[in-house]
PDB file of N, CA and C in Angstrom:
ATOM      1  N   MET A   1       1.137  -1.236   0.194  1.00  0.00           N
ATOM      2  CA  MET A   1      -0.070   0.046  -0.031  1.00  0.00           C
ATOM      3  C   MET A   1       0.843   1.294   0.019  1.00  0.00           C
ATOM      4  N   GLU A   2       0.429   2.103  -0.690  1.00  0.00           N
ATOM      5  CA  GLU A   2       1.591   3.621  -0.977  1.00  0.00           C
ATOM      6  C   GLU A   2       0.970   4.581  -0.145  1.00  0.00           C
ATOM      7  N   ASN A   3       2.082   5.351   0.297  1.00  0.00           N
ATOM      8  CA  ASN A   3       1.610   6.469   1.210  1.00  0.00           C
ATOM      9  C   ASN A   3       0.719   7.334   0.567  1.00  0.00           C
ATOM     10  N   GLN A   4       0.722   7.614  -0.708  1.00  0.00           N
ATOM     11  CA  GLN A   4      -0.510   8.488  -1.471  1.00  0.00           C
ATOM     12  C   GLN A   4      -1.714   8.264  -1.214  1.00  0.00           C
ATOM     13  N   ASN A   5      -2.073   6.989  -1.211  1.00  0.00           N
ATOM     14  CA  ASN A   5      -3.490   6.411  -0.878  1.00  0.00           C
ATOM     15  C   ASN A   5      -3.998   6.496   0.315  1.00  0.00           C
ATOM     16  N   ARG A   6      -3.198   7.054   1.563  1.00  0.00           N
ATOM     17  CA  ARG A   6      -3.899   6.980   2.943  1.00  0.00           C
ATOM     18  C   ARG A   6      -4.932   8.222   3.145  1.00  0.00           C
ATOM     19  N   ASN A   7      -5.915   7.951   3.542  1.00  0.00           N
ATOM     20  CA  ASN A   7      -6.635   8.925   4.158  1.00  0.00           C
ATOM     21  C   ASN A   7      -7.310   8.710   5.153  1.00  0.00           C
ATOM     22  N   ILE A   8      -6.637   7.717   6.009  1.00  0.00           N
ATOM     23  CA  ILE A   8      -7.835   7.633   7.497  1.00  0.00           C
ATOM     24  C   ILE A   8      -6.532   7.653   8.229  1.00  0.00           C
ATOM     25  N   THR A   9      -6.793   8.294   9.584  1.00  0.00           N
ATOM     26  CA  THR A   9      -5.894   8.775  10.526  1.00  0.00           C
ATOM     27  C   THR A   9      -6.189   8.069  11.681  1.00  0.00           C
ATOM     28  N   ILE A  10      -4.749   7.335  12.179  1.00  0.00           N
ATOM     29  CA  ILE A  10      -5.206   6.414  13.592  1.00  0.00           C
ATOM     30  C   ILE A  10      -4.134   7.211  14.964  1.00  0.00           C
ATOM     31  N   ASN A  11      -5.213   7.613  15.729  1.00  0.00           N
ATOM     32  CA  ASN A  11      -4.344   8.325  16.732  1.00  0.00           C
ATOM     33  C   ASN A  11      -4.154   7.579  18.022  1.00  0.00           C
ATOM     34  N   ILE A  12      -2.635   7.523  18.272  1.00  0.00           N
ATOM     35  CA  ILE A  12      -2.665   6.990  19.633  1.00  0.00           C
ATOM     36  C   ILE A  12      -1.866   7.639  20.655  1.00  0.00           C
ATOM     37  N   ARG A  13      -2.020   7.238  21.760  1.00  0.00           N
ATOM     38  CA  ARG A  13      -1.211   8.088  23.251  1.00  0.00           C
ATOM     39  C   ARG A  13      -0.300   6.853  23.527  1.00  0.00           C
ATOM     40  N   ALA A  14       0.747   7.239  23.980  1.00  0.00           N
ATOM     41  CA  ALA A  14       2.282   6.567  24.354  1.00  0.00           C
ATOM     42  C   ALA A  14       2.878   7.523  25.371  1.00  0.00           C
ATOM     43  N   HIS A  15       3.569   6.586  25.971  1.00  0.00           N
ATOM     44  CA  HIS A  15       4.795   6.944  27.067  1.00  0.00           C
ATOM     45  C   HIS A  15       5.666   7.433  26.138  1.00  0.00           C
ATOM     46  N   GLN A  16       6.533   8.306  26.421  1.00  0.00           N
ATOM     47  CA  GLN A  16       7.692   8.918  25.923  1.00  0.00           C
ATOM     48  C   GLN A  16       8.599   7.869  25.864  1.00  0.00           C
ATOM     49  N   ALA A  17       9.060   7.044  26.283  1.00  0.00           N
ATOM     50  CA  ALA A  17      10.037   6.011  26.236  1.00  0.00           C
ATOM     51  C   ALA A  17       9.383   4.967  25.334  1.00  0.00           C
ATOM     52  N   GLN A  18       8.119   4.789  25.255  1.00  0.00           N
ATOM     53  CA  GLN A  18       7.534   3.993  23.737  1.00  0.00           C
ATOM     54  C   GLN A  18       7.990   4.830  22.774  1.00  0.00           C
ATOM     55  N   ARG A  19       7.689   5.895  22.515  1.00  0.00           N
ATOM     56  CA  ARG A  19       7.774   6.676  21.396  1.00  0.00           C
ATOM     57  C   ARG A  19       9.415   6.564  21.050  1.00  0.00           C
ATOM     58  N   ASP A  20      10.126   6.723  22.195  1.00  0.00           N
ATOM     59  CA  ASP A  20      11.612   6.963  21.865  1.00  0.00           C
ATOM     60  C   ASP A  20      11.926   5.280  21.260  1.00  0.00           C
ATOM     61  N   LEU A  21      11.527   4.230  21.911  1.00  0.00           N
ATOM     62  CA  LEU A  21      11.974   3.031  21.446  1.00  0.00           C
ATOM     63  C   LEU A  21      11.348   2.706  20.058  1.00  0.00           C
ATOM     64  N   ILE A  22      10.142   2.934  19.830  1.00  0.00           N
ATOM     65  CA  ILE A  22       9.813   2.918  18.304  1.00  0.00           C
ATOM     66  C   ILE A  22      10.293   3.720  17.451  1.00  0.00           C
ATOM     67  N   ASP A  23      10.684   4.992  17.608  1.00  0.00           N
ATOM     68  CA  ASP A  23      11.413   5.561  16.687  1.00  0.00           C
ATOM     69  C   ASP A  23      12.889   5.183  16.309  1.00  0.00           C
ATOM     70  N   LEU A  24      13.604   4.390  17.748  1.00  0.00           N
ATOM     71  CA  LEU A  24      15.034   3.777  17.280  1.00  0.00           C
ATOM     72  C   LEU A  24      14.764   2.608  16.507  1.00  0.00           C
ATOM     73  N   ALA A  25      13.653   1.924  16.684  1.00  0.00           N
ATOM     74  CA  ALA A  25      13.542   0.773  15.849  1.00  0.00           C
ATOM     75  C   ALA A  25      13.290   1.100  14.472  1.00  0.00           C
ATOM     76  N   ALA A  26      12.360   2.059  14.182  1.00  0.00           N
ATOM     77  CA  ALA A  26      11.982   2.521  12.803  1.00  0.00           C
ATOM     78  C   ALA A  26      13.263   3.068  12.124  1.00  0.00           C
ATOM     79  N   GLU A  27      13.911   3.940  12.912  1.00  0.00           N
ATOM     80  CA  GLU A  27      15.328   4.323  12.349  1.00  0.00           C
ATOM     81  C   GLU A  27      16.378   3.347  11.920  1.00  0.00           C
ATOM     82  N   ALA A  28      16.423   2.353  12.967  1.00  0.00           N
ATOM     83  CA  ALA A  28      17.065   1.094  12.278  1.00  0.00           C
ATOM     84  C   ALA A  28      16.601   0.278  11.102  1.00  0.00           C
ATOM     85  N   LEU A  29      15.697   0.582  10.764  1.00  0.00           N
ATOM     86  CA  LEU A  29      15.252   0.058   9.302  1.00  0.00           C
ATOM     87  C   LEU A  29      15.060   0.880   8.405  1.00  0.00           C
ATOM     88  N   GLY A  30      15.428   2.306   8.717  1.00  0.00           N
ATOM     89  CA  GLY A  30      15.527   3.362   7.964  1.00  0.00           C
ATOM     90  C   GLY A  30      13.969   3.665   7.319  1.00  0.00           C
ATOM     91  N   LYS A  31      12.889   3.445   8.701  1.00  0.00           N
ATOM     92  CA  LYS A  31      11.811   3.805   8.124  1.00  0.00           C
ATOM     93  C   LYS A  31      11.382   5.005   9.157  1.00  0.00           C
ATOM     94  N   ASN A  32      10.276   5.712   8.519  1.00  0.00           N
ATOM     95  CA  ASN A  32       9.521   6.886   9.434  1.00  0.00           C
ATOM     96  C   ASN A  32       8.754   5.954  10.493  1.00  0.00           C
ATOM     97  N   ARG A  33       8.180   6.819  11.598  1.00  0.00           N
ATOM     98  CA  ARG A  33       7.288   6.250  12.510  1.00  0.00           C
ATOM     99  C   ARG A  33       6.163   5.760  12.090  1.00  0.00           C
ATOM    100  N   SER A  34       5.506   6.202  11.123  1.00  0.00           N
ATOM    101  CA  SER A  34       4.154   6.191  10.986  1.00  0.00           C
ATOM    102  C   SER A  34       4.290   4.806  10.157  1.00  0.00           C
ATOM    103  N   ASP A  35       5.389   4.728   9.145  1.00  0.00           N
ATOM    104  CA  ASP A  35       5.313   3.419   8.300  1.00  0.00           C
ATOM    105  C   ASP A  35       6.010   2.544   9.026  1.00  0.00           C
ATOM    106  N   PHE A  36       6.575   2.520   9.920  1.00  0.00           N
ATOM    107  CA  PHE A  36       7.020   1.227  10.875  1.00  0.00           C
ATOM    108  C   PHE A  36       6.045   0.941  12.022  1.00  0.00           C
ATOM    109  N   MET A  37       5.071   1.864  12.613  1.00  0.00           N
ATOM    110  CA  MET A  37       3.985   1.605  13.397  1.00  0.00           C
ATOM    111  C   MET A  37       2.945   0.591  12.670  1.00  0.00           C
ATOM    112  N   LEU A  38       2.813   1.298  11.188  1.00  0.00           N
ATOM    113  CA  LEU A  38       1.492   0.796  10.408  1.00  0.00           C
ATOM    114  C   LEU A  38       1.778  -0.622  10.045  1.00  0.00           C
ATOM    115  N   GLU A  39       3.148  -0.734   9.471  1.00  0.00           N
ATOM    116  CA  GLU A  39       3.650  -1.997   8.747  1.00  0.00           C
ATOM    117  C   GLU A  39       3.690  -2.985   9.918  1.00  0.00           C
ATOM    118  N   THR A  40       4.341  -2.819  11.252  1.00  0.00           N
ATOM    119  CA  THR A  40       4.337  -3.801  12.117  1.00  0.00           C
ATOM    120  C   THR A  40       2.992  -3.916  12.890  1.00  0.00           C
ATOM    121  N   ALA A  41       2.011  -3.019  12.831  1.00  0.00           N
ATOM    122  CA  ALA A  41       0.812  -3.559  13.547  1.00  0.00           C
ATOM    123  C   ALA A  41       0.059  -4.097  12.494  1.00  0.00           C
ATOM    124  N   CYS A  42       0.088  -4.112  11.111  1.00  0.00           N
ATOM    125  CA  CYS A  42      -0.598  -4.662  10.056  1.00  0.00           C
ATOM    126  C   CYS A  42       0.362  -6.237  10.233  1.00  0.00           C
ATOM    127  N   ARG A  43       1.474  -6.349  10.274  1.00  0.00           N
ATOM    128  CA  ARG A  43       2.010  -7.855  10.289  1.00  0.00           C
ATOM    129  C   ARG A  43       1.643  -8.272  11.329  1.00  0.00           C
ATOM    130  N   GLU A  44       1.562  -8.010  12.522  1.00  0.00           N
ATOM    131  CA  GLU A  44       1.083  -8.375  13.989  1.00  0.00           C
ATOM    132  C   GLU A  44      -0.510  -8.715  13.503  1.00  0.00           C
ATOM    133  N   ALA A  45      -1.131  -7.876  13.269  1.00  0.00           N
ATOM    134  CA  ALA A  45      -2.598  -8.438  13.186  1.00  0.00           C
ATOM    135  C   ALA A  45      -2.888  -9.488  11.913  1.00  0.00           C
ATOM    136  N   GLN A  46      -1.933  -9.457  11.127  1.00  0.00           N
ATOM    137  CA  GLN A  46      -2.350 -11.029  10.282  1.00  0.00           C
ATOM    138  C   GLN A  46      -1.593 -11.840  10.844  1.00  0.00           C
ATOM    139  N   ALA A  47      -0.810 -12.101  11.740  1.00  0.00           N
ATOM    140  CA  ALA A  47      -0.451 -13.058  12.232  1.00  0.00           C
ATOM    141  C   ALA A  47      -1.254 -13.673  13.352  1.00  0.00           C
ATOM    142  N   ILE A  48      -1.915 -12.688  14.044  1.00  0.00           N
ATOM    143  CA  ILE A  48      -2.748 -13.116  14.911  1.00  0.00           C
ATOM    144  C   ILE A  48      -3.842 -13.707  14.288  1.00  0.00           C
ATOM    145  N   LEU A  49      -4.442 -12.834  13.047  1.00  0.00           N
ATOM    146  CA  LEU A  49      -5.737 -13.678  12.560  1.00  0.00           C
ATOM    147  C   LEU A  49      -5.505 -15.063  11.744  1.00  0.00           C
ATOM    148  N   LEU A  50      -4.124 -15.365  11.405  1.00  0.00           N
ATOM    149  CA  LEU A  50      -3.492 -16.831  10.825  1.00  0.00           C
ATOM    150  C   LEU A  50      -3.573 -17.448  11.835  1.00  0.00           C
ATOM    151  N   ASP A  51      -3.012 -17.273  12.867  1.00  0.00           N
ATOM    152  CA  ASP A  51      -3.230 -17.990  14.056  1.00  0.00           C
ATOM    153  C   ASP A  51      -4.169 -18.477  15.153  1.00  0.00           C
ATOM    154  N   ARG A  52      -5.217 -18.347  14.186  1.00  0.00           N
ATOM    155  CA  ARG A  52      -6.614 -18.382  15.202  1.00  0.00           C
ATOM    156  C   ARG A  52      -6.656 -20.282  14.869  1.00  0.00           C
ATOM    157  N   ARG A  53      -6.999 -21.024  15.916  1.00  0.00           N
ATOM    158  CA  ARG A  53      -7.076 -22.599  15.891  1.00  0.00           C
ATOM    159  C   ARG A  53      -8.594 -22.731  16.528  1.00  0.00           C
ATOM    160  N   LEU A  54      -9.095 -22.066  16.894  1.00  0.00           N
ATOM    161  CA  LEU A  54     -10.623 -22.359  17.278  1.00  0.00           C
ATOM    162  C   LEU A  54     -11.694 -21.575  16.643  1.00  0.00           C
ATOM    163  N   PHE A  55     -12.513 -22.241  15.955  1.00  0.00           N
ATOM    164  CA  PHE A  55     -13.641 -21.862  15.279  1.00  0.00           C
ATOM    165  C   PHE A  55     -14.889 -22.107  15.860  1.00  0.00           C
ATOM    166  N   VAL A  56     -15.800 -21.564  16.083  1.00  0.00           N
ATOM    167  CA  VAL A  56     -16.797 -21.926  17.192  1.00  0.00           C
ATOM    168  C   VAL A  56     -18.257 -21.857  16.056  1.00  0.00           C
ATOM    169  N   LEU A  57     -18.772 -22.907  15.674  1.00  0.00           N
ATOM    170  CA  LEU A  57     -20.124 -23.124  14.867  1.00  0.00           C
ATOM    171  C   LEU A  57     -21.110 -23.088  15.517  1.00  0.00           C
ATOM    172  N   ASP A  58     -22.433 -23.166  15.381  1.00  0.00           N
ATOM    173  CA  ASP A  58     -23.790 -23.445  15.511  1.00  0.00           C
ATOM    174  C   ASP A  58     -23.755 -24.835  14.888  1.00  0.00           C
ATOM    175  N   ASP A  59     -24.735 -25.482  15.386  1.00  0.00           N
ATOM    176  CA  ASP A  59     -25.072 -26.796  14.656  1.00  0.00           C
ATOM    177  C   ASP A  59     -25.304 -26.711  13.091  1.00  0.00           C
ATOM    178  N   GLU A  60     -25.919 -25.839  12.724  1.00  0.00           N
ATOM    179  CA  GLU A  60     -26.146 -25.774  11.443  1.00  0.00           C
ATOM    180  C   GLU A  60     -24.820 -25.386  10.826  1.00  0.00           C
ATOM    181  N   LYS A  61     -24.175 -24.454  11.014  1.00  0.00           N
ATOM    182  CA  LYS A  61     -22.867 -24.335  10.156  1.00  0.00           C
ATOM    183  C   LYS A  61     -21.890 -25.421  10.048  1.00  0.00           C
ATOM    184  N   PHE A  62     -21.742 -26.114  11.561  1.00  0.00           N
ATOM    185  CA  PHE A  62     -20.887 -27.030  11.617  1.00  0.00           C
ATOM    186  C   PHE A  62     -21.039 -28.162  10.374  1.00  0.00           C
ATOM    187  N   GLN A  63     -22.583 -28.746  10.304  1.00  0.00           N
ATOM    188  CA  GLN A  63     -23.056 -29.405   9.380  1.00  0.00           C
ATOM    189  C   GLN A  63     -22.485 -29.249   8.103  1.00  0.00           C
ATOM    190  N   GLU A  64     -22.495 -27.781   7.689  1.00  0.00           N
ATOM    191  CA  GLU A  64     -22.410 -27.139   6.291  1.00  0.00           C
ATOM    192  C   GLU A  64     -21.041 -27.706   6.105  1.00  0.00           C
ATOM    193  N   PHE A  65     -20.224 -27.119   7.186  1.00  0.00           N
ATOM    194  CA  PHE A  65     -18.637 -27.673   7.355  1.00  0.00           C
ATOM    195  C   PHE A  65     -18.275 -28.723   7.045  1.00  0.00           C
ATOM    196  N   MET A  66     -18.942 -29.762   7.838  1.00  0.00           N
ATOM    197  CA  MET A  66     -18.529 -31.332   7.678  1.00  0.00           C
ATOM    198  C   MET A  66     -18.924 -31.509   6.083  1.00  0.00           C
ATOM    199  N   ALA A  67     -19.920 -31.195   5.577  1.00  0.00           N
ATOM    200  CA  ALA A  67     -20.421 -31.600   4.318  1.00  0.00           C
ATOM    201  C   ALA A  67     -19.478 -31.207   3.296  1.00  0.00           C
ATOM    202  N   ILE A  68     -18.613 -30.210   3.242  1.00  0.00           N
ATOM    203  CA  ILE A  68     -17.825 -29.408   2.625  1.00  0.00           C
ATOM    204  C   ILE A  68     -16.635 -30.256   2.688  1.00  0.00           C
ATOM    205  N   LEU A  69     -16.297 -30.524   3.725  1.00  0.00           N
ATOM    206  CA  LEU A  69     -14.884 -31.401   4.243  1.00  0.00           C
ATOM    207  C   LEU A  69     -15.154 -32.936   3.822  1.00  0.00           C
ATOM    208  N   ASP A  70     -16.398 -33.613   3.796  1.00  0.00           N
ATOM    209  CA  ASP A  70     -16.637 -34.871   3.129  1.00  0.00           C
ATOM    210  C   ASP A  70     -16.714 -35.229   1.701  1.00  0.00           C
ATOM    211  N   ALA A  71     -17.027 -33.832   1.171  1.00  0.00           N
ATOM    212  CA  ALA A  71     -17.455 -33.958  -0.253  1.00  0.00           C
ATOM    213  C   ALA A  71     -16.139 -34.342  -1.151  1.00  0.00           C
ATOM    214  N   PRO A  72     -16.402 -34.752  -2.227  1.00  0.00           N
ATOM    215  CA  PRO A  72     -15.374 -35.359  -3.024  1.00  0.00           C
ATOM    216  C   PRO A  72     -14.586 -33.968  -3.691  1.00  0.00           C
ATOM    217  N   PRO A  73     -13.356 -33.749  -3.746  1.00  0.00           N
ATOM    218  CA  PRO A  73     -12.370 -32.988  -4.129  1.00  0.00           C
ATOM    219  C   PRO A  73     -13.100 -32.413  -5.669  1.00  0.00           C
ATOM    220  N   SER A  74     -13.370 -31.259  -6.249  1.00  0.00           N
ATOM    221  CA  SER A  74     -13.606 -30.845  -7.235  1.00  0.00           C
ATOM    222  C   SER A  74     -12.161 -31.216  -8.220  1.00  0.00           C
ATOM    223  N   VAL A  75     -12.347 -31.292  -9.437  1.00  0.00           N
ATOM    224  CA  VAL A  75     -11.601 -31.728 -10.508  1.00  0.00           C
ATOM    225  C   VAL A  75     -10.755 -30.204 -10.681  1.00  0.00           C
ATOM    226  N   ASN A  76      -9.293 -30.352 -10.567  1.00  0.00           N
ATOM    227  CA  ASN A  76      -8.607 -29.306 -10.806  1.00  0.00           C
ATOM    228  C   ASN A  76      -7.381 -29.374 -11.639  1.00  0.00           C
ATOM    229  N   GLU A  77      -7.702 -29.513 -12.850  1.00  0.00           N
ATOM    230  CA  GLU A  77      -6.667 -30.057 -13.920  1.00  0.00           C
ATOM    231  C   GLU A  77      -5.250 -29.148 -13.745  1.00  0.00           C
ATOM    232  N   ASN A  78      -5.240 -28.180 -13.288  1.00  0.00           N
ATOM    233  CA  ASN A  78      -3.855 -27.313 -13.004  1.00  0.00           C
ATOM    234  C   ASN A  78      -2.911 -28.223 -11.345  1.00  0.00           C
ATOM    235  N   LEU A  79      -4.036 -28.420 -10.682  1.00  0.00           N
ATOM    236  CA  LEU A  79      -3.494 -29.036  -9.542  1.00  0.00           C
ATOM    237  C   LEU A  79      -2.832 -30.416  -9.992  1.00  0.00           C
ATOM    238  N   ARG A  80      -3.547 -31.473 -10.698  1.00  0.00           N
ATOM    239  CA  ARG A  80      -2.904 -32.581 -11.614  1.00  0.00           C
ATOM    240  C   ARG A  80      -1.749 -32.269 -11.974  1.00  0.00           C
ATOM    241  N   GLN A  81      -1.646 -31.557 -13.028  1.00  0.00           N
ATOM    242  CA  GLN A  81      -0.727 -31.265 -13.631  1.00  0.00           C
ATOM    243  C   GLN A  81       0.476 -31.127 -12.745  1.00  0.00           C
ATOM    244  N   LEU A  82       0.278 -30.289 -12.060  1.00  0.00           N
ATOM    245  CA  LEU A  82       1.165 -29.984 -11.062  1.00  0.00           C
ATOM    246  C   LEU A  82       2.049 -31.060 -10.325  1.00  0.00           C
ATOM    247  N   LEU A  83       0.881 -32.067  -9.849  1.00  0.00           N
ATOM    248  CA  LEU A  83       1.584 -33.181  -8.910  1.00  0.00           C
ATOM    249  C   LEU A  83       2.011 -34.201  -9.588  1.00  0.00           C
ATOM    250  N   THR A  84       1.596 -34.294 -11.318  1.00  0.00           N
ATOM    251  CA  THR A  84       2.199 -35.570 -11.831  1.00  0.00           C
ATOM    252  C   THR A  84       3.512 -35.278 -12.771  1.00  0.00           C
ATOM    253  N   GLU A  85       3.637 -34.080 -13.002  1.00  0.00           N
ATOM    254  CA  GLU A  85       4.729 -33.588 -13.845  1.00  0.00           C
ATOM    255  C   GLU A  85       6.269 -33.651 -12.929  1.00  0.00           C
ATOM    256  N   LYS A  86       6.925 -34.072 -13.655  1.00  0.00           N
ATOM    257  CA  LYS A  86       8.595 -33.923 -12.739  1.00  0.00           C
ATOM    258  C   LYS A  86       8.947 -32.418 -12.692  1.00  0.00           C
ATOM    259  N   ALA A  87       9.575 -32.300 -11.480  1.00  0.00           N
ATOM    260  CA  ALA A  87      10.122 -30.506 -11.353  1.00  0.00           C
ATOM    261  C   ALA A  87      11.139 -30.753 -12.137  1.00  0.00           C
ATOM    262  N   PRO A  88      11.315 -29.427 -12.921  1.00  0.00           N
ATOM    263  CA  PRO A  88      12.525 -29.244 -13.643  1.00  0.00           C
ATOM    264  C   PRO A  88      13.762 -29.326 -13.154  1.00  0.00           C
ATOM    265  N   TRP A  89      13.963 -29.539 -11.767  1.00  0.00           N
ATOM    266  CA  TRP A  89      15.435 -29.685 -11.197  1.00  0.00           C
ATOM    267  C   TRP A  89      15.706 -31.201 -11.071  1.00  0.00           C
ATOM    268  N   ASP A  90      14.580 -32.377 -11.199  1.00  0.00           N
ATOM    269  CA  ASP A  90      14.596 -33.465 -11.097  1.00  0.00           C
ATOM    270  C   ASP A  90      14.791 -34.244 -12.439  1.00  0.00           C
ATOM    271  N   GLU A  91      14.817 -33.348 -13.425  1.00  0.00           N
ATOM    272  CA  GLU A  91      14.990 -34.127 -14.813  1.00  0.00           C
ATOM    273  C   GLU A  91      16.640 -34.347 -15.158  1.00  0.00           C
TER     274      GLU A  91
END
């Protein structure tokens, strides 16, 4: 995401020591405070969401989920080709 497309403001309060620490880390990476904080927060948010292991479903949604898992896989010619051809480095 490019800087020129940013049109939303996020405000937070911090202690002086926290801001100084963030500034040092941003400087170490050659970034400004805003870019560093936004990139770091987004990376952590993605990791948290990708690391979710527990999904709570009601009975109806659970049955739908199980039906999808139990259904035979759809034909995927590209995947079949990928899995059956030799890798170029194996030839």
